[in-house]
């Protein structure tokens, strides 16, 4: 049986109190919201905090509403709540789909969108029991001096495996962060870094408080799409996620086109050159095929997941095509 290490549990009432507790206990403290990823990782001794600072009971982290041309989503809103909220489903279908496809219903009822944004990276050689990792030899991400995937260098290539961030990137969303240094807002595309050990810009004591998604005007029309590859259609983390978004004019021509994939490297990958290929064009089958081929050339999965890398790469154009066809419809 995997047991949790001993810890002290704190339930602050405000963001300021939570930030204060994290600052007080330093590296010995970790914030927790739904806990659907953190608690299993603690059982595997990937994290052994002496203090857990609970965020889910803080009222300021709840709620979904429209304000000043944005859809504002509290970081402690559950994934189920995001997936079913009328405003999310009306304006951003892909975001509702992504939130509604995380794990299974029990985990979505507890897991939060803020937690999904901050999800720890995953790797075949990392997400194992302490006994398993000790027998092989610890990796760069946890106590070792070698990456078992690449066997060279000092760069961890554990994969970003969250569903909602690539969608939020295509939508031009931003994230509010509170910490010891005050409050700040950063674009979701700038929230992630290429470091599998710690793949976000969060500093010790920082808390994600809300996500802001710009609302599209009457013209151009915003269309979004999302598809996910996984071994089973429930529970499993993604082997590949594709998010796309396009602004389309009254003549059905693309004004802008954005694509993001994830589960390949330590951060979501923006597909380059799409906007130049699509601007002013109608999204027909020929253009979709060309965009899928360009995505295939840009994506190179590593052996950081249990499935064959060649197969995973072959699935890139397949799922990019499926996502783009959602826009075309």
C-alpha atoms as a PDB file:
ATOM      1  CA  UNK A   1       0.000   0.000   0.000  1.00  0.00           C
ATOM      2  CA  UNK A   2       1.269   3.482  -0.894  1.00  0.00           C
ATOM      3  CA  UNK A   3       0.951   5.801   2.091  1.00  0.00           C
ATOM      4  CA  UNK A   4       1.038   9.573   2.291  1.00  0.00           C
ATOM      5  CA  UNK A   5       4.012  11.132   4.095  1.00  0.00           C
ATOM      6  CA  UNK A   6       3.135  13.106   7.262  1.00  0.00           C
ATOM      7  CA  UNK A   7       2.094  16.718   6.723  1.00  0.00           C
ATOM      8  CA  UNK A   8       0.150  19.552   8.326  1.00  0.00           C
ATOM      9  CA  UNK A   9      -2.974  20.779   6.511  1.00  0.00           C
ATOM     10  CA  UNK A  10      -3.845  24.517   6.408  1.00  0.00           C
ATOM     11  CA  UNK A  11      -7.160  26.016   5.239  1.00  0.00           C
ATOM     12  CA  UNK A  12      -6.743  29.775   4.675  1.00  0.00           C
ATOM     13  CA  UNK A  13      -9.792  31.959   3.994  1.00  0.00           C
ATOM     14  CA  UNK A  14      -8.120  34.467   1.660  1.00  0.00           C
ATOM     15  CA  UNK A  15      -5.502  34.553  -1.073  1.00  0.00           C
ATOM     16  CA  UNK A  16      -3.349  36.838   1.073  1.00  0.00           C
ATOM     17  CA  UNK A  17      -3.438  34.372   3.953  1.00  0.00           C
ATOM     18  CA  UNK A  18      -2.494  31.510   1.629  1.00  0.00           C
ATOM     19  CA  UNK A  19       0.420  33.485   0.172  1.00  0.00           C
ATOM     20  CA  UNK A  20       1.545  34.297   3.715  1.00  0.00           C
ATOM     21  CA  UNK A  21       1.512  30.637   4.745  1.00  0.00           C
ATOM     22  CA  UNK A  22       3.509  29.617   1.677  1.00  0.00           C
ATOM     23  CA  UNK A  23       6.027  32.348   2.404  1.00  0.00           C
ATOM     24  CA  UNK A  24       6.249  31.348   6.066  1.00  0.00           C
ATOM     25  CA  UNK A  25       6.975  27.677   5.419  1.00  0.00           C
ATOM     26  CA  UNK A  26       8.982  28.139   2.210  1.00  0.00           C
ATOM     27  CA  UNK A  27      10.058  24.984   0.384  1.00  0.00           C
ATOM     28  CA  UNK A  28       8.344  22.826   3.007  1.00  0.00           C
ATOM     29  CA  UNK A  29       4.897  23.967   1.790  1.00  0.00           C
ATOM     30  CA  UNK A  30       2.911  23.226  -1.377  1.00  0.00           C
ATOM     31  CA  UNK A  31      -0.476  24.680  -2.380  1.00  0.00           C
ATOM     32  CA  UNK A  32      -3.211  22.137  -3.097  1.00  0.00           C
ATOM     33  CA  UNK A  33      -6.622  22.593  -4.679  1.00  0.00           C
ATOM     34  CA  UNK A  34      -8.338  19.461  -6.025  1.00  0.00           C
ATOM     35  CA  UNK A  35      -5.278  17.337  -5.255  1.00  0.00           C
ATOM     36  CA  UNK A  36      -6.014  14.814  -8.013  1.00  0.00           C
ATOM     37  CA  UNK A  37      -2.406  14.867  -9.235  1.00  0.00           C
ATOM     38  CA  UNK A  38      -0.507  16.048  -6.163  1.00  0.00           C
ATOM     39  CA  UNK A  39      -1.807  13.415  -3.734  1.00  0.00           C
ATOM     40  CA  UNK A  40      -0.834  10.413  -5.918  1.00  0.00           C
ATOM     41  CA  UNK A  41       2.562  12.035  -6.476  1.00  0.00           C
ATOM     42  CA  UNK A  42       2.998  12.413  -2.728  1.00  0.00           C
ATOM     43  CA  UNK A  43       2.242   8.709  -2.293  1.00  0.00           C
ATOM     44  CA  UNK A  44       5.015   7.980  -4.784  1.00  0.00           C
ATOM     45  CA  UNK A  45       7.315  10.305  -2.771  1.00  0.00           C
ATOM     46  CA  UNK A  46       7.733  12.635  -5.731  1.00  0.00           C
ATOM     47  CA  UNK A  47       6.702  15.434  -3.362  1.00  0.00           C
ATOM     48  CA  UNK A  48       7.071  15.233   0.418  1.00  0.00           C
ATOM     49  CA  UNK A  49       5.839  18.581   1.787  1.00  0.00           C
ATOM     50  CA  UNK A  50       5.569  19.162   5.522  1.00  0.00           C
ATOM     51  CA  UNK A  51       2.668  21.574   4.907  1.00  0.00           C
ATOM     52  CA  UNK A  52      -0.253  21.611   2.446  1.00  0.00           C
ATOM     53  CA  UNK A  53      -1.996  24.963   1.932  1.00  0.00           C
ATOM     54  CA  UNK A  54      -5.546  24.375   0.701  1.00  0.00           C
ATOM     55  CA  UNK A  55      -6.922  26.779  -1.913  1.00  0.00           C
ATOM     56  CA  UNK A  56     -10.293  25.321  -2.829  1.00  0.00           C
ATOM     57  CA  UNK A  57     -12.120  26.940   0.092  1.00  0.00           C
ATOM     58  CA  UNK A  58     -11.054  30.482  -0.841  1.00  0.00           C
ATOM     59  CA  UNK A  59     -14.079  32.330  -2.213  1.00  0.00           C
ATOM     60  CA  UNK A  60     -12.039  34.757  -4.329  1.00  0.00           C
ATOM     61  CA  UNK A  61     -10.798  31.819  -6.384  1.00  0.00           C
ATOM     62  CA  UNK A  62     -14.308  30.757  -7.405  1.00  0.00           C
ATOM     63  CA  UNK A  63     -16.758  31.955 -10.028  1.00  0.00           C
ATOM     64  CA  UNK A  64     -17.080  32.353 -13.808  1.00  0.00           C
ATOM     65  CA  UNK A  65     -18.331  35.643 -15.219  1.00  0.00           C
ATOM     66  CA  UNK A  66     -18.008  38.060 -18.129  1.00  0.00           C
ATOM     67  CA  UNK A  67     -16.395  41.424 -17.418  1.00  0.00           C
ATOM     68  CA  UNK A  68     -14.677  44.104 -19.511  1.00  0.00           C
ATOM     69  CA  UNK A  69     -14.634  42.033 -22.682  1.00  0.00           C
ATOM     70  CA  UNK A  70     -13.240  38.932 -20.971  1.00  0.00           C
ATOM     71  CA  UNK A  71     -14.492  35.661 -19.576  1.00  0.00           C
ATOM     72  CA  UNK A  72     -12.979  35.458 -16.087  1.00  0.00           C
ATOM     73  CA  UNK A  73     -12.606  31.965 -14.601  1.00  0.00           C
ATOM     74  CA  UNK A  74     -11.622  31.441 -10.969  1.00  0.00           C
ATOM     75  CA  UNK A  75      -8.663  29.087 -10.614  1.00  0.00           C
ATOM     76  CA  UNK A  76     -10.508  26.926  -8.053  1.00  0.00           C
ATOM     77  CA  UNK A  77     -13.445  26.265 -10.388  1.00  0.00           C
ATOM     78  CA  UNK A  78     -13.734  22.527 -10.985  1.00  0.00           C
ATOM     79  CA  UNK A  79     -13.153  21.115 -14.436  1.00  0.00           C
ATOM     80  CA  UNK A  80     -16.727  19.851 -14.412  1.00  0.00           C
ATOM     81  CA  UNK A  81     -17.980  23.346 -13.633  1.00  0.00           C
ATOM     82  CA  UNK A  82     -15.925  24.848 -16.458  1.00  0.00           C
ATOM     83  CA  UNK A  83     -17.043  22.218 -18.965  1.00  0.00           C
ATOM     84  CA  UNK A  84     -20.738  22.764 -18.176  1.00  0.00           C
ATOM     85  CA  UNK A  85     -20.841  26.535 -17.688  1.00  0.00           C
ATOM     86  CA  UNK A  86     -23.140  28.238 -20.232  1.00  0.00           C
ATOM     87  CA  UNK A  87     -20.723  31.085 -21.002  1.00  0.00           C
ATOM     88  CA  UNK A  88     -17.829  28.700 -21.629  1.00  0.00           C
ATOM     89  CA  UNK A  89     -19.954  26.488 -23.868  1.00  0.00           C
ATOM     90  CA  UNK A  90     -21.344  29.489 -25.739  1.00  0.00           C
ATOM     91  CA  UNK A  91     -18.084  31.307 -26.459  1.00  0.00           C
ATOM     92  CA  UNK A  92     -15.346  28.661 -26.263  1.00  0.00           C
ATOM     93  CA  UNK A  93     -16.523  25.191 -27.229  1.00  0.00           C
ATOM     94  CA  UNK A  94     -12.994  23.792 -27.328  1.00  0.00           C
ATOM     95  CA  UNK A  95     -12.315  24.876 -23.735  1.00  0.00           C
ATOM     96  CA  UNK A  96     -15.500  23.165 -22.553  1.00  0.00           C
ATOM     97  CA  UNK A  97     -14.466  20.034 -24.481  1.00  0.00           C
ATOM     98  CA  UNK A  98     -10.950  20.059 -23.050  1.00  0.00           C
ATOM     99  CA  UNK A  99     -12.136  20.493 -19.454  1.00  0.00           C
ATOM    100  CA  UNK A 100     -14.750  17.785 -20.024  1.00  0.00           C
ATOM    101  CA  UNK A 101     -12.190  15.263 -21.273  1.00  0.00           C
ATOM    102  CA  UNK A 102      -9.725  15.405 -18.385  1.00  0.00           C
ATOM    103  CA  UNK A 103      -9.482  11.985 -16.697  1.00  0.00           C
ATOM    104  CA  UNK A 104     -12.892  10.685 -15.526  1.00  0.00           C
ATOM    105  CA  UNK A 105     -15.951  12.338 -13.957  1.00  0.00           C
ATOM    106  CA  UNK A 106     -14.896  11.760 -10.348  1.00  0.00           C
ATOM    107  CA  UNK A 107     -11.553  13.495 -10.921  1.00  0.00           C
ATOM    108  CA  UNK A 108     -13.154  16.339 -12.896  1.00  0.00           C
ATOM    109  CA  UNK A 109     -15.529  16.938 -10.002  1.00  0.00           C
ATOM    110  CA  UNK A 110     -12.539  17.555  -7.727  1.00  0.00           C
ATOM    111  CA  UNK A 111      -9.775  18.784 -10.048  1.00  0.00           C
ATOM    112  CA  UNK A 112      -9.650  22.496 -10.877  1.00  0.00           C
ATOM    113  CA  UNK A 113      -8.745  24.493 -13.943  1.00  0.00           C
ATOM    114  CA  UNK A 114      -5.968  26.226 -11.997  1.00  0.00           C
ATOM    115  CA  UNK A 115      -4.580  22.844 -11.035  1.00  0.00           C
ATOM    116  CA  UNK A 116      -4.750  21.692 -14.644  1.00  0.00           C
ATOM    117  CA  UNK A 117      -2.830  24.785 -15.699  1.00  0.00           C
ATOM    118  CA  UNK A 118      -0.133  24.001 -13.108  1.00  0.00           C
ATOM    119  CA  UNK A 119      -0.075  20.223 -13.682  1.00  0.00           C
ATOM    120  CA  UNK A 120       3.312  18.633 -13.104  1.00  0.00           C
ATOM    121  CA  UNK A 121       5.093  17.202 -16.147  1.00  0.00           C
ATOM    122  CA  UNK A 122       5.036  13.443 -16.635  1.00  0.00           C
ATOM    123  CA  UNK A 123       7.535  10.825 -17.776  1.00  0.00           C
ATOM    124  CA  UNK A 124       7.770   7.025 -17.911  1.00  0.00           C
ATOM    125  CA  UNK A 125      10.856   7.197 -15.692  1.00  0.00           C
ATOM    126  CA  UNK A 126       9.423   9.684 -13.193  1.00  0.00           C
ATOM    127  CA  UNK A 127       5.820   8.717 -12.455  1.00  0.00           C
ATOM    128  CA  UNK A 128       6.699   5.485 -10.707  1.00  0.00           C
ATOM    129  CA  UNK A 129       6.965   4.296  -7.123  1.00  0.00           C
ATOM    130  CA  UNK A 130      10.014   5.212  -5.041  1.00  0.00           C
ATOM    131  CA  UNK A 131      11.108   1.545  -5.100  1.00  0.00           C
ATOM    132  CA  UNK A 132      10.933   1.437  -8.924  1.00  0.00           C
ATOM    133  CA  UNK A 133      12.871   4.674  -9.363  1.00  0.00           C
ATOM    134  CA  UNK A 134      15.476   3.686  -6.802  1.00  0.00           C
ATOM    135  CA  UNK A 135      16.070   0.348  -8.523  1.00  0.00           C
ATOM    136  CA  UNK A 136      16.663   1.993 -11.905  1.00  0.00           C
ATOM    137  CA  UNK A 137      18.510   5.033 -10.618  1.00  0.00           C
ATOM    138  CA  UNK A 138      16.864   8.402 -10.010  1.00  0.00           C
ATOM    139  CA  UNK A 139      16.381  10.757 -12.958  1.00  0.00           C
ATOM    140  CA  UNK A 140      17.100  14.473 -13.411  1.00  0.00           C
ATOM    141  CA  UNK A 141      13.614  15.460 -12.318  1.00  0.00           C
ATOM    142  CA  UNK A 142      13.904  13.793  -8.938  1.00  0.00           C
ATOM    143  CA  UNK A 143      17.256  13.409  -7.265  1.00  0.00           C
ATOM    144  CA  UNK A 144      19.388  12.015 -10.081  1.00  0.00           C
ATOM    145  CA  UNK A 145      21.992  13.306 -12.500  1.00  0.00           C
ATOM    146  CA  UNK A 146      20.903  11.683 -15.781  1.00  0.00           C
ATOM    147  CA  UNK A 147      17.876  11.831 -18.083  1.00  0.00           C
ATOM    148  CA  UNK A 148      16.847   8.255 -18.823  1.00  0.00           C
ATOM    149  CA  UNK A 149      15.060   9.394 -22.003  1.00  0.00           C
ATOM    150  CA  UNK A 150      17.907  11.179 -23.762  1.00  0.00           C
ATOM    151  CA  UNK A 151      20.867   9.717 -21.797  1.00  0.00           C
ATOM    152  CA  UNK A 152      22.759  12.958 -22.458  1.00  0.00           C
ATOM    153  CA  UNK A 153      22.814  16.524 -21.183  1.00  0.00           C
ATOM    154  CA  UNK A 154      21.249  18.135 -18.159  1.00  0.00           C
ATOM    155  CA  UNK A 155      17.826  18.960 -19.612  1.00  0.00           C
ATOM    156  CA  UNK A 156      14.689  17.189 -18.366  1.00  0.00           C
ATOM    157  CA  UNK A 157      12.242  16.299 -21.156  1.00  0.00           C
ATOM    158  CA  UNK A 158       9.283  15.154 -19.054  1.00  0.00           C
ATOM    159  CA  UNK A 159       6.103  15.950 -20.976  1.00  0.00           C
ATOM    160  CA  UNK A 160       3.486  18.608 -20.333  1.00  0.00           C
ATOM    161  CA  UNK A 161       0.254  16.599 -20.183  1.00  0.00           C
ATOM    162  CA  UNK A 162      -2.560  19.019 -19.324  1.00  0.00           C
ATOM    163  CA  UNK A 163      -5.594  19.442 -21.573  1.00  0.00           C
ATOM    164  CA  UNK A 164      -6.788  23.018 -21.079  1.00  0.00           C
ATOM    165  CA  UNK A 165      -3.544  25.054 -21.520  1.00  0.00           C
ATOM    166  CA  UNK A 166      -3.170  24.464 -25.296  1.00  0.00           C
ATOM    167  CA  UNK A 167      -6.765  25.611 -25.797  1.00  0.00           C
ATOM    168  CA  UNK A 168      -6.186  28.669 -23.628  1.00  0.00           C
ATOM    169  CA  UNK A 169      -3.086  29.502 -25.682  1.00  0.00           C
ATOM    170  CA  UNK A 170      -5.021  29.455 -28.957  1.00  0.00           C
ATOM    171  CA  UNK A 171      -7.595  31.781 -27.362  1.00  0.00           C
ATOM    172  CA  UNK A 172      -4.992  34.343 -26.274  1.00  0.00           C
ATOM    173  CA  UNK A 173      -5.838  33.810 -22.594  1.00  0.00           C
ATOM    174  CA  UNK A 174      -3.886  35.227 -19.670  1.00  0.00           C
ATOM    175  CA  UNK A 175      -3.426  34.122 -16.069  1.00  0.00           C
ATOM    176  CA  UNK A 176      -3.445  36.161 -12.854  1.00  0.00           C
ATOM    177  CA  UNK A 177      -0.821  35.247 -10.262  1.00  0.00           C
ATOM    178  CA  UNK A 178      -0.536  36.349  -6.638  1.00  0.00           C
ATOM    179  CA  UNK A 179       2.666  35.915  -4.661  1.00  0.00           C
ATOM    180  CA  UNK A 180       5.039  37.446  -2.135  1.00  0.00           C
ATOM    181  CA  UNK A 181       6.060  40.017  -4.754  1.00  0.00           C
ATOM    182  CA  UNK A 182       2.472  41.128  -5.411  1.00  0.00           C
ATOM    183  CA  UNK A 183       0.010  40.460  -8.204  1.00  0.00           C
ATOM    184  CA  UNK A 184       0.823  40.115 -11.894  1.00  0.00           C
ATOM    185  CA  UNK A 185      -0.783  38.933 -15.123  1.00  0.00           C
ATOM    186  CA  UNK A 186       0.988  36.940 -17.836  1.00  0.00           C
ATOM    187  CA  UNK A 187      -0.159  35.420 -21.109  1.00  0.00           C
ATOM    188  CA  UNK A 188      -0.706  31.670 -20.925  1.00  0.00           C
ATOM    189  CA  UNK A 189       1.750  31.242 -23.812  1.00  0.00           C
ATOM    190  CA  UNK A 190       4.419  32.871 -21.618  1.00  0.00           C
ATOM    191  CA  UNK A 191       3.418  30.903 -18.499  1.00  0.00           C
ATOM    192  CA  UNK A 192       5.356  27.795 -19.574  1.00  0.00           C
ATOM    193  CA  UNK A 193       9.089  27.203 -20.007  1.00  0.00           C
ATOM    194  CA  UNK A 194      11.041  24.357 -21.610  1.00  0.00           C
ATOM    195  CA  UNK A 195      12.141  22.751 -18.358  1.00  0.00           C
ATOM    196  CA  UNK A 196      10.572  19.430 -17.464  1.00  0.00           C
ATOM    197  CA  UNK A 197      11.671  19.763 -13.837  1.00  0.00           C
ATOM    198  CA  UNK A 198       9.604  22.934 -13.289  1.00  0.00           C
ATOM    199  CA  UNK A 199       7.853  24.016 -16.472  1.00  0.00           C
ATOM    200  CA  UNK A 200       6.130  27.247 -15.403  1.00  0.00           C
ATOM    201  CA  UNK A 201       7.293  30.744 -14.449  1.00  0.00           C
ATOM    202  CA  UNK A 202       5.724  30.404 -10.993  1.00  0.00           C
ATOM    203  CA  UNK A 203       8.065  31.388  -8.179  1.00  0.00           C
ATOM    204  CA  UNK A 204       7.986  29.874  -4.674  1.00  0.00           C
ATOM    205  CA  UNK A 205       4.847  31.096  -2.918  1.00  0.00           C
ATOM    206  CA  UNK A 206       2.983  32.026  -6.131  1.00  0.00           C
ATOM    207  CA  UNK A 207      -0.682  31.118  -6.534  1.00  0.00           C
ATOM    208  CA  UNK A 208      -2.677  31.153  -9.768  1.00  0.00           C
ATOM    209  CA  UNK A 209      -5.887  33.034  -8.937  1.00  0.00           C
ATOM    210  CA  UNK A 210      -7.843  33.312 -12.200  1.00  0.00           C
ATOM    211  CA  UNK A 211      -7.759  32.827 -15.963  1.00  0.00           C
ATOM    212  CA  UNK A 212      -8.899  35.568 -18.351  1.00  0.00           C
ATOM    213  CA  UNK A 213     -10.059  34.731 -21.877  1.00  0.00           C
ATOM    214  CA  UNK A 214     -10.772  37.588 -24.336  1.00  0.00           C
ATOM    215  CA  UNK A 215     -14.285  37.520 -25.723  1.00  0.00           C
ATOM    216  CA  UNK A 216     -14.481  37.768 -29.509  1.00  0.00           C
ATOM    217  CA  UNK A 217     -16.464  40.641 -31.002  1.00  0.00           C
ATOM    218  CA  UNK A 218     -19.310  40.239 -33.462  1.00  0.00           C
ATOM    219  CA  UNK A 219     -16.839  40.150 -36.350  1.00  0.00           C
ATOM    220  CA  UNK A 220     -14.744  38.195 -37.084  1.00  0.00           C
ATOM    221  CA  UNK A 221     -16.338  34.914 -35.987  1.00  0.00           C
ATOM    222  CA  UNK A 222     -14.254  32.801 -33.607  1.00  0.00           C
ATOM    223  CA  UNK A 223     -14.157  29.057 -34.191  1.00  0.00           C
ATOM    224  CA  UNK A 224     -12.345  26.600 -31.938  1.00  0.00           C
ATOM    225  CA  UNK A 225     -11.479  22.915 -31.999  1.00  0.00           C
ATOM    226  CA  UNK A 226      -9.893  20.355 -29.686  1.00  0.00           C
ATOM    227  CA  UNK A 227      -8.980  16.672 -30.035  1.00  0.00           C
ATOM    228  CA  UNK A 228      -7.119  14.298 -27.732  1.00  0.00           C
ATOM    229  CA  UNK A 229      -5.237  11.048 -28.229  1.00  0.00           C
ATOM    230  CA  UNK A 230      -5.011   8.601 -25.331  1.00  0.00           C
ATOM    231  CA  UNK A 231      -4.880   4.859 -24.810  1.00  0.00           C
ATOM    232  CA  UNK A 232      -8.351   4.694 -23.302  1.00  0.00           C
ATOM    233  CA  UNK A 233     -11.198   7.160 -23.767  1.00  0.00           C
ATOM    234  CA  UNK A 234     -11.334   7.898 -20.047  1.00  0.00           C
ATOM    235  CA  UNK A 235      -8.906   8.367 -17.154  1.00  0.00           C
ATOM    236  CA  UNK A 236      -5.638   8.311 -19.159  1.00  0.00           C
ATOM    237  CA  UNK A 237      -3.393  11.323 -19.596  1.00  0.00           C
ATOM    238  CA  UNK A 238      -3.080  12.509 -23.211  1.00  0.00           C
ATOM    239  CA  UNK A 239      -0.485  11.077 -25.569  1.00  0.00           C
ATOM    240  CA  UNK A 240      -1.213  14.058 -27.796  1.00  0.00           C
ATOM    241  CA  UNK A 241      -3.543  17.037 -27.574  1.00  0.00           C
ATOM    242  CA  UNK A 242      -4.333  19.379 -30.474  1.00  0.00           C
ATOM    243  CA  UNK A 243      -6.068  22.743 -30.017  1.00  0.00           C
ATOM    244  CA  UNK A 244      -6.932  25.066 -32.909  1.00  0.00           C
ATOM    245  CA  UNK A 245      -8.682  28.426 -33.192  1.00  0.00           C
ATOM    246  CA  UNK A 246      -9.512  30.645 -36.140  1.00  0.00           C
ATOM    247  CA  UNK A 247     -11.063  34.042 -36.808  1.00  0.00           C
ATOM    248  CA  UNK A 248     -13.282  33.780 -39.877  1.00  0.00           C
ATOM    249  CA  UNK A 249     -14.873  36.635 -41.846  1.00  0.00           C
ATOM    250  CA  UNK A 250     -18.347  36.808 -43.384  1.00  0.00           C
ATOM    251  CA  UNK A 251     -17.070  35.151 -46.578  1.00  0.00           C
ATOM    252  CA  UNK A 252     -15.724  32.162 -44.629  1.00  0.00           C
ATOM    253  CA  UNK A 253     -12.114  33.222 -45.152  1.00  0.00           C
ATOM    254  CA  UNK A 254      -9.498  32.941 -42.424  1.00  0.00           C
ATOM    255  CA  UNK A 255      -8.353  36.163 -40.806  1.00  0.00           C
ATOM    256  CA  UNK A 256      -6.102  34.319 -38.389  1.00  0.00           C
ATOM    257  CA  UNK A 257      -5.335  30.709 -37.527  1.00  0.00           C
ATOM    258  CA  UNK A 258      -3.606  29.267 -34.450  1.00  0.00           C
ATOM    259  CA  UNK A 259      -2.626  25.738 -33.486  1.00  0.00           C
ATOM    260  CA  UNK A 260      -1.025  24.309 -30.340  1.00  0.00           C
ATOM    261  CA  UNK A 261      -0.060  20.722 -29.522  1.00  0.00           C
ATOM    262  CA  UNK A 262       1.005  19.257 -26.207  1.00  0.00           C
ATOM    263  CA  UNK A 263       2.153  16.035 -24.489  1.00  0.00           C
ATOM    264  CA  UNK A 264       5.281  16.048 -26.683  1.00  0.00           C
ATOM    265  CA  UNK A 265       7.697  18.189 -24.655  1.00  0.00           C
ATOM    266  CA  UNK A 266       7.963  20.089 -21.394  1.00  0.00           C
ATOM    267  CA  UNK A 267       5.643  22.871 -22.576  1.00  0.00           C
ATOM    268  CA  UNK A 268       2.824  23.219 -25.122  1.00  0.00           C
ATOM    269  CA  UNK A 269       4.155  23.728 -28.645  1.00  0.00           C
ATOM    270  CA  UNK A 270       2.740  26.442 -30.886  1.00  0.00           C
ATOM    271  CA  UNK A 271       2.614  25.333 -34.530  1.00  0.00           C
ATOM    272  CA  UNK A 272       4.549  27.869 -36.544  1.00  0.00           C
ATOM    273  CA  UNK A 273       3.696  29.250 -39.971  1.00  0.00           C
ATOM    274  CA  UNK A 274       0.018  28.405 -39.855  1.00  0.00           C
ATOM    275  CA  UNK A 275      -1.210  31.978 -39.917  1.00  0.00           C
ATOM    276  CA  UNK A 276       0.858  32.785 -43.001  1.00  0.00           C
ATOM    277  CA  UNK A 277      -0.486  29.723 -44.817  1.00  0.00           C
ATOM    278  CA  UNK A 278      -4.108  30.298 -43.872  1.00  0.00           C
ATOM    279  CA  UNK A 279      -4.643  34.068 -43.897  1.00  0.00           C
ATOM    280  CA  UNK A 280      -7.213  35.036 -46.530  1.00  0.00           C
ATOM    281  CA  UNK A 281      -7.882  31.418 -47.496  1.00  0.00           C
ATOM    282  CA  UNK A 282     -10.940  29.202 -47.135  1.00  0.00           C
ATOM    283  CA  UNK A 283     -10.286  26.234 -44.872  1.00  0.00           C
ATOM    284  CA  UNK A 284     -10.800  23.462 -47.422  1.00  0.00           C
ATOM    285  CA  UNK A 285      -9.379  19.933 -47.546  1.00  0.00           C
ATOM    286  CA  UNK A 286      -6.280  20.983 -49.494  1.00  0.00           C
ATOM    287  CA  UNK A 287      -5.359  23.610 -46.913  1.00  0.00           C
ATOM    288  CA  UNK A 288      -6.109  21.230 -44.046  1.00  0.00           C
ATOM    289  CA  UNK A 289      -3.783  18.623 -45.579  1.00  0.00           C
ATOM    290  CA  UNK A 290      -1.016  21.208 -46.014  1.00  0.00           C
ATOM    291  CA  UNK A 291      -1.378  22.408 -42.413  1.00  0.00           C
ATOM    292  CA  UNK A 292      -1.353  18.840 -41.084  1.00  0.00           C
ATOM    293  CA  UNK A 293       1.805  18.081 -43.063  1.00  0.00           C
ATOM    294  CA  UNK A 294       3.488  21.197 -41.647  1.00  0.00           C
ATOM    295  CA  UNK A 295       2.523  20.120 -38.119  1.00  0.00           C
ATOM    296  CA  UNK A 296       4.001  16.660 -38.734  1.00  0.00           C
ATOM    297  CA  UNK A 297       7.333  18.210 -39.734  1.00  0.00           C
ATOM    298  CA  UNK A 298       7.446  20.310 -36.559  1.00  0.00           C
ATOM    299  CA  UNK A 299       6.544  17.587 -34.027  1.00  0.00           C
ATOM    300  CA  UNK A 300       9.098  15.042 -32.788  1.00  0.00           C
ATOM    301  CA  UNK A 301       7.906  13.032 -29.756  1.00  0.00           C
ATOM    302  CA  UNK A 302      10.466  11.569 -27.364  1.00  0.00           C
ATOM    303  CA  UNK A 303      10.468   8.281 -25.475  1.00  0.00           C
ATOM    304  CA  UNK A 304       9.007   9.923 -22.363  1.00  0.00           C
ATOM    305  CA  UNK A 305       5.784   7.928 -22.597  1.00  0.00           C
ATOM    306  CA  UNK A 306       5.087   4.239 -22.698  1.00  0.00           C
ATOM    307  CA  UNK A 307       3.886   4.101 -26.334  1.00  0.00           C
ATOM    308  CA  UNK A 308       5.932   3.969 -29.543  1.00  0.00           C
ATOM    309  CA  UNK A 309       7.265   7.380 -30.580  1.00  0.00           C
ATOM    310  CA  UNK A 310       6.938   6.740 -34.319  1.00  0.00           C
ATOM    311  CA  UNK A 311       3.259   5.888 -33.878  1.00  0.00           C
ATOM    312  CA  UNK A 312       2.708   8.960 -31.750  1.00  0.00           C
ATOM    313  CA  UNK A 313       4.293  11.163 -34.408  1.00  0.00           C
ATOM    314  CA  UNK A 314       2.182   9.515 -37.115  1.00  0.00           C
ATOM    315  CA  UNK A 315      -0.901  10.477 -35.124  1.00  0.00           C
ATOM    316  CA  UNK A 316      -0.011  14.194 -35.239  1.00  0.00           C
ATOM    317  CA  UNK A 317      -1.345  14.880 -38.791  1.00  0.00           C
ATOM    318  CA  UNK A 318      -4.335  12.613 -38.134  1.00  0.00           C
ATOM    319  CA  UNK A 319      -5.461  14.567 -35.091  1.00  0.00           C
ATOM    320  CA  UNK A 320      -4.542  17.956 -36.541  1.00  0.00           C
ATOM    321  CA  UNK A 321      -6.799  17.110 -39.492  1.00  0.00           C
ATOM    322  CA  UNK A 322      -9.649  16.159 -37.155  1.00  0.00           C
ATOM    323  CA  UNK A 323      -9.276  19.398 -35.182  1.00  0.00           C
ATOM    324  CA  UNK A 324      -9.195  21.575 -38.310  1.00  0.00           C
ATOM    325  CA  UNK A 325     -12.258  19.851 -39.754  1.00  0.00           C
ATOM    326  CA  UNK A 326     -14.136  20.984 -36.667  1.00  0.00           C
ATOM    327  CA  UNK A 327     -13.328  24.571 -37.693  1.00  0.00           C
ATOM    328  CA  UNK A 328     -14.373  23.930 -41.273  1.00  0.00           C
ATOM    329  CA  UNK A 329     -17.763  22.637 -40.102  1.00  0.00           C
END
